[in-house]
Amino acid sequence: MNILVVDDETDVKPLFELRFRREIRSGEHLFTFVFSGEDALEYLHQHPTEPVVVLSDINMPGMSGLELLRRIRATRELPTTRVLMLTANADDASRQQARYDGAEDLLAKPVDFAALKHKLSLEPAA
């Protein structure tokens, strides 16, 4: 599974690589890390038919994660592209807005990696 992690905090890369080391080693997951919504759109533009799960932070400078989500949904469809949002502020309004905009789910930070692994193993929501 190709997973695109979008977060302006660069320290997420070693954290994800540590928590998913077994899945990375086995080839079950391939991670790509970008640090802005603009870079995420560029990656998706360069890989237009590649199935991908996008894990995006909501609060980022420049393009927010919700704006990125809206742009992804305007050009890419399920099941090719699943989007899960990550935020330190997982209030009901953010969760509802993310769902309305097409996110599969919204996960609180710090990330519960066991819950994330479980969500990644599920089929996409229709």
C-alpha atoms as a PDB file:
ATOM      1  CA  MET A   1       0.000   0.000   0.000  1.00  0.00           C
ATOM      2  CA  ASN A   2       1.335   3.426  -0.963  1.00  0.00           C
ATOM      3  CA  ILE A   3       0.944   5.946   1.838  1.00  0.00           C
ATOM      4  CA  LEU A   4       1.530   9.671   1.364  1.00  0.00           C
ATOM      5  CA  VAL A   5       2.128  11.440   4.677  1.00  0.00           C
ATOM      6  CA  VAL A   6       1.554  15.204   4.523  1.00  0.00           C
ATOM      7  CA  ASP A   7       2.707  17.141   7.580  1.00  0.00           C
ATOM      8  CA  ASP A   8       4.734  20.317   8.044  1.00  0.00           C
ATOM      9  CA  GLU A   9       6.434  18.725  11.069  1.00  0.00           C
ATOM     10  CA  THR A  10       9.478  16.927   9.668  1.00  0.00           C
ATOM     11  CA  ASP A  11       9.871  14.755  12.786  1.00  0.00           C
ATOM     12  CA  VAL A  12       6.905  12.614  11.692  1.00  0.00           C
ATOM     13  CA  LYS A  13       9.066  10.815   9.121  1.00  0.00           C
ATOM     14  CA  PRO A  14      11.355   8.947  11.565  1.00  0.00           C
ATOM     15  CA  LEU A  15       8.388   8.288  13.855  1.00  0.00           C
ATOM     16  CA  PHE A  16       6.350   6.630  11.072  1.00  0.00           C
ATOM     17  CA  GLU A  17       9.401   4.727   9.832  1.00  0.00           C
ATOM     18  CA  LEU A  18       9.981   3.385  13.338  1.00  0.00           C
ATOM     19  CA  ARG A  19       6.334   2.458  13.991  1.00  0.00           C
ATOM     20  CA  PHE A  20       5.894   0.816  10.565  1.00  0.00           C
ATOM     21  CA  ARG A  21       9.363  -0.707  10.203  1.00  0.00           C
ATOM     22  CA  ARG A  22       8.035  -4.261   9.884  1.00  0.00           C
ATOM     23  CA  GLU A  23       5.476  -3.296   7.221  1.00  0.00           C
ATOM     24  CA  ILE A  24       8.083  -1.249   5.336  1.00  0.00           C
ATOM     25  CA  ARG A  25      10.639  -4.051   5.453  1.00  0.00           C
ATOM     26  CA  SER A  26       8.098  -6.600   4.180  1.00  0.00           C
ATOM     27  CA  GLY A  27       6.967  -4.291   1.369  1.00  0.00           C
ATOM     28  CA  GLU A  28       3.428  -4.170   2.735  1.00  0.00           C
ATOM     29  CA  HIS A  29       3.605  -0.348   2.930  1.00  0.00           C
ATOM     30  CA  LEU A  30       5.602   2.187   0.945  1.00  0.00           C
ATOM     31  CA  PHE A  31       5.745   5.635   2.550  1.00  0.00           C
ATOM     32  CA  THR A  32       6.330   8.965   0.854  1.00  0.00           C
ATOM     33  CA  PHE A  33       6.680  12.057   3.029  1.00  0.00           C
ATOM     34  CA  VAL A  34       5.934  15.615   1.930  1.00  0.00           C
ATOM     35  CA  PHE A  35       5.787  18.679   4.107  1.00  0.00           C
ATOM     36  CA  SER A  36       3.103  20.843   2.480  1.00  0.00           C
ATOM     37  CA  GLY A  37      -0.238  20.577   0.725  1.00  0.00           C
ATOM     38  CA  GLU A  38       1.332  21.952  -2.427  1.00  0.00           C
ATOM     39  CA  ASP A  39       3.967  19.188  -2.440  1.00  0.00           C
ATOM     40  CA  ALA A  40       1.232  16.601  -1.893  1.00  0.00           C
ATOM     41  CA  LEU A  41      -0.696  17.849  -4.935  1.00  0.00           C
ATOM     42  CA  GLU A  42       2.487  17.733  -7.004  1.00  0.00           C
ATOM     43  CA  TYR A  43       3.121  14.128  -5.933  1.00  0.00           C
ATOM     44  CA  LEU A  44      -0.460  13.131  -6.769  1.00  0.00           C
ATOM     45  CA  HIS A  45      -0.220  14.932 -10.137  1.00  0.00           C
ATOM     46  CA  GLN A  46       2.927  12.938 -10.934  1.00  0.00           C
ATOM     47  CA  HIS A  47       1.196   9.662  -9.962  1.00  0.00           C
ATOM     48  CA  PRO A  48      -2.325  10.122 -11.370  1.00  0.00           C
ATOM     49  CA  THR A  49      -3.433   6.485 -11.387  1.00  0.00           C
ATOM     50  CA  GLU A  50      -1.442   5.130  -8.466  1.00  0.00           C
ATOM     51  CA  PRO A  51      -3.620   3.942  -5.581  1.00  0.00           C
ATOM     52  CA  VAL A  52      -2.640   5.873  -2.478  1.00  0.00           C
ATOM     53  CA  VAL A  53      -3.703   6.523   1.089  1.00  0.00           C
ATOM     54  CA  VAL A  54      -3.153  10.151   2.072  1.00  0.00           C
ATOM     55  CA  LEU A  55      -2.531  10.887   5.758  1.00  0.00           C
ATOM     56  CA  SER A  56      -2.682  14.656   6.084  1.00  0.00           C
ATOM     57  CA  ASP A  57      -2.329  17.035   8.970  1.00  0.00           C
ATOM     58  CA  ILE A  58      -5.083  19.661   9.025  1.00  0.00           C
ATOM     59  CA  ASN A  59      -3.130  22.610  10.441  1.00  0.00           C
ATOM     60  CA  MET A  60      -0.277  23.477   8.089  1.00  0.00           C
ATOM     61  CA  PRO A  61       1.084  26.803   6.864  1.00  0.00           C
ATOM     62  CA  GLY A  62       0.022  27.721   3.350  1.00  0.00           C
ATOM     63  CA  MET A  63      -2.542  25.193   2.160  1.00  0.00           C
ATOM     64  CA  SER A  64      -4.434  23.617   5.057  1.00  0.00           C
ATOM     65  CA  GLY A  65      -5.149  19.916   5.143  1.00  0.00           C
ATOM     66  CA  LEU A  66      -8.861  20.593   4.570  1.00  0.00           C
ATOM     67  CA  GLU A  67      -8.071  22.607   1.428  1.00  0.00           C
ATOM     68  CA  LEU A  68      -5.801  19.783   0.266  1.00  0.00           C
ATOM     69  CA  LEU A  69      -8.631  17.335   0.924  1.00  0.00           C
ATOM     70  CA  ARG A  70     -11.063  19.386  -1.176  1.00  0.00           C
ATOM     71  CA  ARG A  71      -8.565  19.561  -4.038  1.00  0.00           C
ATOM     72  CA  ILE A  72      -7.898  15.828  -3.884  1.00  0.00           C
ATOM     73  CA  ARG A  73     -11.615  15.043  -3.932  1.00  0.00           C
ATOM     74  CA  ALA A  74     -12.098  17.366  -6.925  1.00  0.00           C
ATOM     75  CA  THR A  75      -9.665  15.285  -9.000  1.00  0.00           C
ATOM     76  CA  ARG A  76      -9.303  11.803  -7.480  1.00  0.00           C
ATOM     77  CA  GLU A  77     -11.949   9.272  -6.490  1.00  0.00           C
ATOM     78  CA  LEU A  78     -12.340   6.381  -4.077  1.00  0.00           C
ATOM     79  CA  PRO A  79     -11.116   3.666  -3.985  1.00  0.00           C
ATOM     80  CA  THR A  80      -7.995   4.925  -5.787  1.00  0.00           C
ATOM     81  CA  THR A  81      -7.360   7.587  -3.153  1.00  0.00           C
ATOM     82  CA  ARG A  82      -8.272   7.281   0.500  1.00  0.00           C
ATOM     83  CA  VAL A  83      -7.751  10.290   2.767  1.00  0.00           C
ATOM     84  CA  LEU A  84      -7.358  10.215   6.542  1.00  0.00           C
ATOM     85  CA  MET A  85      -6.859  13.493   8.367  1.00  0.00           C
ATOM     86  CA  LEU A  86      -4.592  13.967  11.391  1.00  0.00           C
ATOM     87  CA  THR A  87      -4.971  16.801  13.876  1.00  0.00           C
ATOM     88  CA  ALA A  88      -4.097  17.840  17.384  1.00  0.00           C
ATOM     89  CA  ASN A  89      -7.559  19.454  17.586  1.00  0.00           C
ATOM     90  CA  ALA A  90      -9.980  16.606  16.869  1.00  0.00           C
ATOM     91  CA  ASP A  91     -13.163  18.438  17.849  1.00  0.00           C
ATOM     92  CA  ASP A  92     -16.583  17.554  16.455  1.00  0.00           C
ATOM     93  CA  ALA A  93     -16.653  20.519  14.054  1.00  0.00           C
ATOM     94  CA  SER A  94     -13.310  19.526  12.500  1.00  0.00           C
ATOM     95  CA  ARG A  95     -14.402  15.904  12.268  1.00  0.00           C
ATOM     96  CA  GLN A  96     -17.696  16.846  10.586  1.00  0.00           C
ATOM     97  CA  GLN A  97     -15.980  19.230   8.143  1.00  0.00           C
ATOM     98  CA  ALA A  98     -13.375  16.607   7.222  1.00  0.00           C
ATOM     99  CA  ARG A  99     -16.081  13.990   6.620  1.00  0.00           C
ATOM    100  CA  TYR A 100     -18.191  16.453   4.610  1.00  0.00           C
ATOM    101  CA  ASP A 101     -15.162  17.267   2.460  1.00  0.00           C
ATOM    102  CA  GLY A 102     -14.534  13.575   1.768  1.00  0.00           C
ATOM    103  CA  ALA A 103     -12.141  12.300   4.432  1.00  0.00           C
ATOM    104  CA  GLU A 104     -12.545   8.697   5.425  1.00  0.00           C
ATOM    105  CA  ASP A 105     -11.746   9.585   9.040  1.00  0.00           C
ATOM    106  CA  LEU A 106     -10.051  12.086  11.313  1.00  0.00           C
ATOM    107  CA  LEU A 107      -7.468  10.825  13.802  1.00  0.00           C
ATOM    108  CA  ALA A 108      -6.182  12.708  16.826  1.00  0.00           C
ATOM    109  CA  LYS A 109      -2.529  13.536  17.387  1.00  0.00           C
ATOM    110  CA  PRO A 110      -0.465  12.163  18.915  1.00  0.00           C
ATOM    111  CA  VAL A 111      -1.231   9.310  16.558  1.00  0.00           C
ATOM    112  CA  ASP A 112      -2.440   6.035  18.017  1.00  0.00           C
ATOM    113  CA  PHE A 113      -0.414   3.816  15.689  1.00  0.00           C
ATOM    114  CA  ALA A 114      -2.338   0.639  16.581  1.00  0.00           C
ATOM    115  CA  ALA A 115      -5.593   2.354  15.575  1.00  0.00           C
ATOM    116  CA  LEU A 116      -3.966   3.746  12.424  1.00  0.00           C
ATOM    117  CA  LYS A 117      -2.681   0.316  11.404  1.00  0.00           C
ATOM    118  CA  HIS A 118      -6.177  -1.076  11.916  1.00  0.00           C
ATOM    119  CA  LYS A 119      -7.743   1.666   9.747  1.00  0.00           C
ATOM    120  CA  LEU A 120      -5.183   1.077   7.005  1.00  0.00           C
ATOM    121  CA  SER A 121      -6.081  -2.622   6.965  1.00  0.00           C
ATOM    122  CA  LEU A 122      -9.774  -1.887   6.333  1.00  0.00           C
ATOM    123  CA  GLU A 123     -11.383  -1.512   2.935  1.00  0.00           C
ATOM    124  CA  PRO A 124     -12.158   2.091   1.984  1.00  0.00           C
ATOM    125  CA  ALA A 125     -15.482   3.510   3.050  1.00  0.00           C
ATOM    126  CA  ALA A 126     -17.903   3.942   0.164  1.00  0.00           C
END
